Amino acid sequence: MSARPRQCPGTSPLTAFIDVSKWQGHPDWVKIATDPQKIVMGIARCTVGASIDSTFHANWAAMKAAGIIRGPYVAFHPSRTAAQHFTWL
């Protein structure tokens, strides 16, 4: 690997972040990035069960444009098989 991973800034072992999915809609990522609470990271649900979260792509792009460190997560559903969960990955 040629590039070092970015570390969230600050001296605290805790980092303020936001977890978003279709239930939060489309937050104002520019406002979040400049908020005094110092939110520096967002995680966006990319799938739930065997379906893509309807807001994932928009939130993913908006976090990048606002300079927010971002990460995806998968929500597993007990009624789905492992193969169904990994269809979208």
Protein backbone atom coordinates (compact mmCIF):
# COMPACT_ATOMS: atom_id res chain seq x y z
CA MET A 1 0.00 0.00 0.00
CA SER A 2 1.53 3.30 -1.05
CA ALA A 3 -0.69 5.79 0.79
CA ARG A 4 -1.04 5.93 4.56
CA PRO A 5 -4.59 5.68 5.85
CA ARG A 6 -5.99 8.97 7.13
CA GLN A 7 -6.54 9.19 10.85
CA CYS A 8 -9.32 11.29 12.32
CA PRO A 9 -7.82 14.50 13.76
CA GLY A 10 -7.78 15.35 17.46
CA THR A 11 -6.22 14.12 20.66
CA SER A 12 -9.25 12.38 22.10
CA PRO A 13 -9.59 8.62 21.62
CA LEU A 14 -13.24 9.32 20.73
CA THR A 15 -14.30 10.68 17.37
CA ALA A 16 -17.66 12.32 16.73
CA PHE A 17 -19.39 10.77 13.74
CA ILE A 18 -22.81 10.46 12.15
CA ASP A 19 -24.49 7.23 11.08
CA VAL A 20 -26.97 7.74 8.23
CA SER A 21 -29.46 5.66 6.28
CA LYS A 22 -32.74 6.29 4.48
CA TRP A 23 -34.27 7.18 7.86
CA GLN A 24 -32.15 10.35 8.10
CA GLY A 25 -32.63 11.28 4.44
CA HIS A 26 -30.05 13.68 3.00
CA PRO A 27 -28.27 15.64 5.74
CA ASP A 28 -26.57 18.94 4.89
CA TRP A 29 -23.02 17.58 4.85
CA VAL A 30 -21.40 20.98 4.27
CA LYS A 31 -23.15 22.34 7.38
CA ILE A 32 -22.15 19.24 9.33
CA ALA A 33 -18.52 19.59 8.23
CA THR A 34 -18.37 23.18 9.50
CA ASP A 35 -20.36 22.62 12.72
CA PRO A 36 -18.55 23.50 15.97
CA GLN A 37 -19.28 19.99 17.31
CA LYS A 38 -16.44 18.83 15.05
CA ILE A 39 -18.15 15.94 13.30
CA VAL A 40 -15.31 14.55 11.19
CA MET A 41 -16.67 11.22 10.00
CA GLY A 42 -19.85 9.78 8.57
CA ILE A 43 -20.86 6.19 8.05
CA ALA A 44 -23.59 5.42 5.55
CA ARG A 45 -25.64 2.26 5.35
CA CYS A 46 -25.06 0.79 1.91
CA THR A 47 -27.32 -2.26 2.16
CA VAL A 48 -29.96 -3.79 4.35
CA GLY A 49 -30.77 -7.42 3.75
CA ALA A 50 -30.50 -7.84 -0.01
CA SER A 51 -31.40 -4.23 -0.93
CA ILE A 52 -29.33 -1.10 -1.47
CA ASP A 53 -30.21 1.78 0.88
CA SER A 54 -31.99 4.38 -1.26
CA THR A 55 -29.87 7.27 0.08
CA PHE A 56 -26.45 5.60 0.05
CA HIS A 57 -25.09 6.91 -3.25
CA ALA A 58 -26.20 10.50 -2.63
CA ASN A 59 -24.88 10.55 0.95
CA TRP A 60 -21.60 8.89 -0.10
CA ALA A 61 -20.94 11.55 -2.75
CA ALA A 62 -22.05 14.42 -0.49
CA MET A 63 -19.77 13.31 2.36
CA LYS A 64 -16.81 13.24 -0.02
CA ALA A 65 -17.66 16.68 -1.44
CA ALA A 66 -17.89 18.13 2.10
CA GLY A 67 -14.52 16.67 3.12
CA ILE A 68 -16.02 14.26 5.67
CA ILE A 69 -14.09 11.04 6.29
CA ARG A 70 -16.55 8.34 5.26
CA GLY A 71 -17.23 4.68 5.65
CA PRO A 72 -19.96 2.28 4.51
CA TYR A 73 -21.73 -0.30 6.62
CA VAL A 74 -23.99 -3.26 5.91
CA ALA A 75 -27.11 -3.97 7.95
CA PHE A 76 -27.77 -7.69 8.09
CA HIS A 77 -31.29 -9.07 8.28
CA PRO A 78 -31.90 -12.42 10.01
CA SER A 79 -34.36 -13.58 7.35
CA ARG A 80 -31.70 -13.45 4.58
CA THR A 81 -28.95 -15.94 3.80
CA ALA A 82 -25.30 -14.92 3.76
CA ALA A 83 -25.29 -15.17 -0.04
CA GLN A 84 -28.23 -12.75 -0.28
CA HIS A 85 -26.47 -10.25 1.98
CA PHE A 86 -23.36 -10.25 -0.16
CA THR A 87 -25.17 -9.81 -3.48
CA TRP A 88 -24.49 -6.05 -3.45
CA LEU A 89 -20.93 -6.08 -2.09
